[in-house]
C-alpha atoms as a PDB file:
ATOM      1  CA  PRO A   1      26.408 257.618  78.297  1.00  0.00           C
ATOM      2  CA  GLU A   2      22.876 256.908  79.387  1.00  0.00           C
ATOM      3  CA  THR A   3      21.448 259.306  81.989  1.00  0.00           C
ATOM      4  CA  PHE A   4      19.526 257.745  84.830  1.00  0.00           C
ATOM      5  CA  LYS A   5      16.906 259.324  87.017  1.00  0.00           C
ATOM      6  CA  SER A   6      19.198 258.643  90.011  1.00  0.00           C
ATOM      7  CA  ASP A   7      21.830 260.960  88.465  1.00  0.00           C
ATOM      8  CA  THR A   8      19.460 263.923  88.160  1.00  0.00           C
ATOM      9  CA  THR A   9      17.510 263.730  91.446  1.00  0.00           C
ATOM     10  CA  GLU A  10      18.608 265.577  94.557  1.00  0.00           C
ATOM     11  CA  PHE A  11      18.770 263.177  97.497  1.00  0.00           C
ATOM     12  CA  ALA A  12      19.128 263.883 101.252  1.00  0.00           C
ATOM     13  CA  HIS A  13      21.579 261.064 101.671  1.00  0.00           C
ATOM     14  CA  ALA A  14      24.148 259.118  99.534  1.00  0.00           C
ATOM     15  CA  SER A  15      22.415 255.852 100.638  1.00  0.00           C
ATOM     16  CA  GLU A  16      19.237 257.025  98.905  1.00  0.00           C
ATOM     17  CA  ARG A  17      21.094 257.727  95.737  1.00  0.00           C
ATOM     18  CA  GLN A  18      22.712 254.257  95.855  1.00  0.00           C
ATOM     19  CA  PHE A  19      19.292 252.647  96.308  1.00  0.00           C
ATOM     20  CA  ALA A  20      17.890 254.712  93.425  1.00  0.00           C
ATOM     21  CA  ARG A  21      20.773 253.437  91.226  1.00  0.00           C
ATOM     22  CA  LEU A  22      19.795 249.908  92.237  1.00  0.00           C
ATOM     23  CA  LEU A  23      16.198 250.555  91.108  1.00  0.00           C
ATOM     24  CA  ASP A  24      17.453 252.143  87.888  1.00  0.00           C
ATOM     25  CA  PHE A  25      19.661 249.144  87.310  1.00  0.00           C
ATOM     26  CA  TYR A  26      16.625 246.863  87.580  1.00  0.00           C
ATOM     27  CA  GLN A  27      14.562 249.262  85.566  1.00  0.00           C
ATOM     28  CA  ILE A  28      12.116 249.717  88.405  1.00  0.00           C
ATOM     29  CA  GLU A  29      10.105 252.862  88.235  1.00  0.00           C
ATOM     30  CA  TRP A  30      10.386 255.041  91.417  1.00  0.00           C
ATOM     31  CA  GLU A  31       9.460 258.392  92.854  1.00  0.00           C
ATOM     32  CA  TYR A  32      11.509 260.123  95.514  1.00  0.00           C
ATOM     33  CA  GLU A  33       9.608 261.324  98.600  1.00  0.00           C
ATOM     34  CA  PRO A  34       6.332 261.863  96.669  1.00  0.00           C
ATOM     35  CA  ARG A  35       4.032 261.962  99.676  1.00  0.00           C
ATOM     36  CA  SER A  36       3.978 262.717 103.435  1.00  0.00           C
ATOM     37  CA  PHE A  37       1.692 261.110 105.956  1.00  0.00           C
ATOM     38  CA  ASP A  38       0.472 262.816 109.082  1.00  0.00           C
ATOM     39  CA  LEU A  39       1.053 260.526 112.085  1.00  0.00           C
ATOM     40  CA  GLU A  40       0.327 262.611 115.184  1.00  0.00           C
ATOM     41  CA  TRP A  41      -1.645 265.719 116.106  1.00  0.00           C
ATOM     42  CA  ASP A  42      -1.963 267.911 119.164  1.00  0.00           C
ATOM     43  CA  ARG A  43      -5.202 268.765 120.895  1.00  0.00           C
ATOM     44  CA  ASP A  44      -5.940 271.506 118.427  1.00  0.00           C
ATOM     45  CA  GLY A  45      -5.558 269.243 115.449  1.00  0.00           C
ATOM     46  CA  ASN A  46      -2.189 270.580 114.353  1.00  0.00           C
ATOM     47  CA  VAL A  47       0.157 267.955 112.940  1.00  0.00           C
ATOM     48  CA  THR A  48       3.036 267.226 115.348  1.00  0.00           C
ATOM     49  CA  GLN A  49       4.513 264.287 113.530  1.00  0.00           C
ATOM     50  CA  ARG A  50       4.725 263.566 109.817  1.00  0.00           C
ATOM     51  CA  PHE A  51       6.374 260.782 107.919  1.00  0.00           C
ATOM     52  CA  THR A  52       7.783 260.963 104.363  1.00  0.00           C
ATOM     53  CA  PRO A  53       8.973 257.613 103.093  1.00  0.00           C
ATOM     54  CA  ASP A  54      12.037 257.843 100.847  1.00  0.00           C
ATOM     55  CA  PHE A  55      10.755 256.094  97.834  1.00  0.00           C
ATOM     56  CA  TYR A  56       7.516 255.034  96.099  1.00  0.00           C
ATOM     57  CA  LEU A  57       7.449 252.214  93.530  1.00  0.00           C
ATOM     58  CA  PRO A  58       4.284 252.626  91.489  1.00  0.00           C
ATOM     59  CA  GLN A  59       4.455 249.156  89.896  1.00  0.00           C
ATOM     60  CA  TYR A  60       4.321 247.606  93.309  1.00  0.00           C
ATOM     61  CA  ASP A  61       2.226 250.279  95.061  1.00  0.00           C
ATOM     62  CA  LEU A  62       4.963 250.142  97.713  1.00  0.00           C
ATOM     63  CA  PHE A  63       6.665 252.830  99.806  1.00  0.00           C
ATOM     64  CA  ILE A  64      10.231 252.204 100.971  1.00  0.00           C
ATOM     65  CA  GLU A  65      12.112 253.786 103.887  1.00  0.00           C
ATOM     66  CA  ILE A  66      15.884 253.529 103.781  1.00  0.00           C
ATOM     67  CA  THR A  67      17.542 253.213 107.145  1.00  0.00           C
ATOM     68  CA  THR A  68      21.207 253.283 108.173  1.00  0.00           C
ATOM     69  CA  MET A  69      22.864 251.082 110.684  1.00  0.00           C
ATOM     70  CA  SER A  70      22.138 253.236 113.746  1.00  0.00           C
ATOM     71  CA  GLN A  71      19.915 251.224 116.005  1.00  0.00           C
ATOM     72  CA  LYS A  72      18.325 254.284 117.493  1.00  0.00           C
ATOM     73  CA  LEU A  73      17.210 255.543 114.069  1.00  0.00           C
ATOM     74  CA  VAL A  74      15.989 252.054 113.155  1.00  0.00           C
ATOM     75  CA  THR A  75      13.833 251.925 116.256  1.00  0.00           C
ATOM     76  CA  LYS A  76      12.410 255.383 115.473  1.00  0.00           C
ATOM     77  CA  LYS A  77      11.643 254.524 111.834  1.00  0.00           C
ATOM     78  CA  ASN A  78      10.156 251.089 112.816  1.00  0.00           C
ATOM     79  CA  ARG A  79       7.729 253.014 115.109  1.00  0.00           C
ATOM     80  CA  LYS A  80       6.810 255.493 112.299  1.00  0.00           C
ATOM     81  CA  VAL A  81       6.185 252.667 109.799  1.00  0.00           C
ATOM     82  CA  ARG A  82       4.104 250.761 112.296  1.00  0.00           C
ATOM     83  CA  ARG A  83       2.058 253.945 113.042  1.00  0.00           C
ATOM     84  CA  LEU A  84       1.661 254.483 109.305  1.00  0.00           C
ATOM     85  CA  GLY A  85       0.154 251.029 109.018  1.00  0.00           C
ATOM     86  CA  GLU A  86      -2.264 251.712 111.885  1.00  0.00           C
ATOM     87  CA  LEU A  87      -3.528 255.015 110.382  1.00  0.00           C
ATOM     88  CA  TYR A  88      -3.307 254.139 106.699  1.00  0.00           C
ATOM     89  CA  PRO A  89      -3.975 250.423 106.397  1.00  0.00           C
ATOM     90  CA  GLU A  90      -4.145 250.713 102.581  1.00  0.00           C
ATOM     91  CA  ILE A  91      -0.520 251.860 102.447  1.00  0.00           C
ATOM     92  CA  THR A  92       2.333 249.389 102.267  1.00  0.00           C
ATOM     93  CA  CYS A  93       5.703 250.626 103.506  1.00  0.00           C
ATOM     94  CA  LYS A  94       8.802 248.498 103.911  1.00  0.00           C
ATOM     95  CA  ILE A  95      11.999 249.402 105.689  1.00  0.00           C
ATOM     96  CA  PHE A  96      15.155 248.544 103.771  1.00  0.00           C
ATOM     97  CA  TYR A  97      18.274 248.164 105.905  1.00  0.00           C
ATOM     98  CA  GLN A  98      21.382 249.717 104.422  1.00  0.00           C
ATOM     99  CA  ARG A  99      23.467 246.514 104.791  1.00  0.00           C
ATOM    100  CA  ASP A 100      20.931 244.477 102.700  1.00  0.00           C
ATOM    101  CA  TYR A 101      21.010 246.695  99.598  1.00  0.00           C
ATOM    102  CA  LEU A 102      24.702 247.746 100.004  1.00  0.00           C
ATOM    103  CA  SER A 103      25.609 244.089  99.465  1.00  0.00           C
ATOM    104  CA  LEU A 104      23.525 244.126  96.233  1.00  0.00           C
ATOM    105  CA  ILE A 105      25.149 247.377  95.100  1.00  0.00           C
ATOM    106  CA  THR A 106      28.621 245.992  95.772  1.00  0.00           C
ATOM    107  CA  LYS A 107      27.682 242.797  93.986  1.00  0.00           C
ATOM    108  CA  TYR A 108      26.588 244.621  90.909  1.00  0.00           C
ATOM    109  CA  GLY A 109      29.223 247.267  90.984  1.00  0.00           C
ATOM    110  CA  LEU A 110      26.809 250.140  91.080  1.00  0.00           C
ATOM    111  CA  GLU A 111      28.685 252.306  93.458  1.00  0.00           C
ATOM    112  CA  ASP A 112      31.451 252.744  90.822  1.00  0.00           C
ATOM    113  CA  ARG A 113      29.198 254.386  88.229  1.00  0.00           C
ATOM    114  CA  ALA A 114      29.976 258.001  87.469  1.00  0.00           C
ATOM    115  CA  GLY A 115      27.481 260.635  88.596  1.00  0.00           C
END
């Protein structure tokens, strides 16, 4: 059987692996957490908050952050993505909500693949 990048990458969450499978399915090139962005600093210039988007899609020059259903987490991530846009206007980062891509995964039967 064909080996996909999503099968050999260590992910922090199952939802990230599922999303990577979706990208593999569509043959979209991706990198997992390739870059972190400093968002906040203390008075001495030490970084106090950093943001590492889950995925980078080189073909689209797009970062993607996967978020779960938890409204508290969604609010926190929305704030980070907004801050990222303020500090790094050249960076595009989109939040993908779990329910949106889970419906795609179910539709294409990707959650059943071995791995």
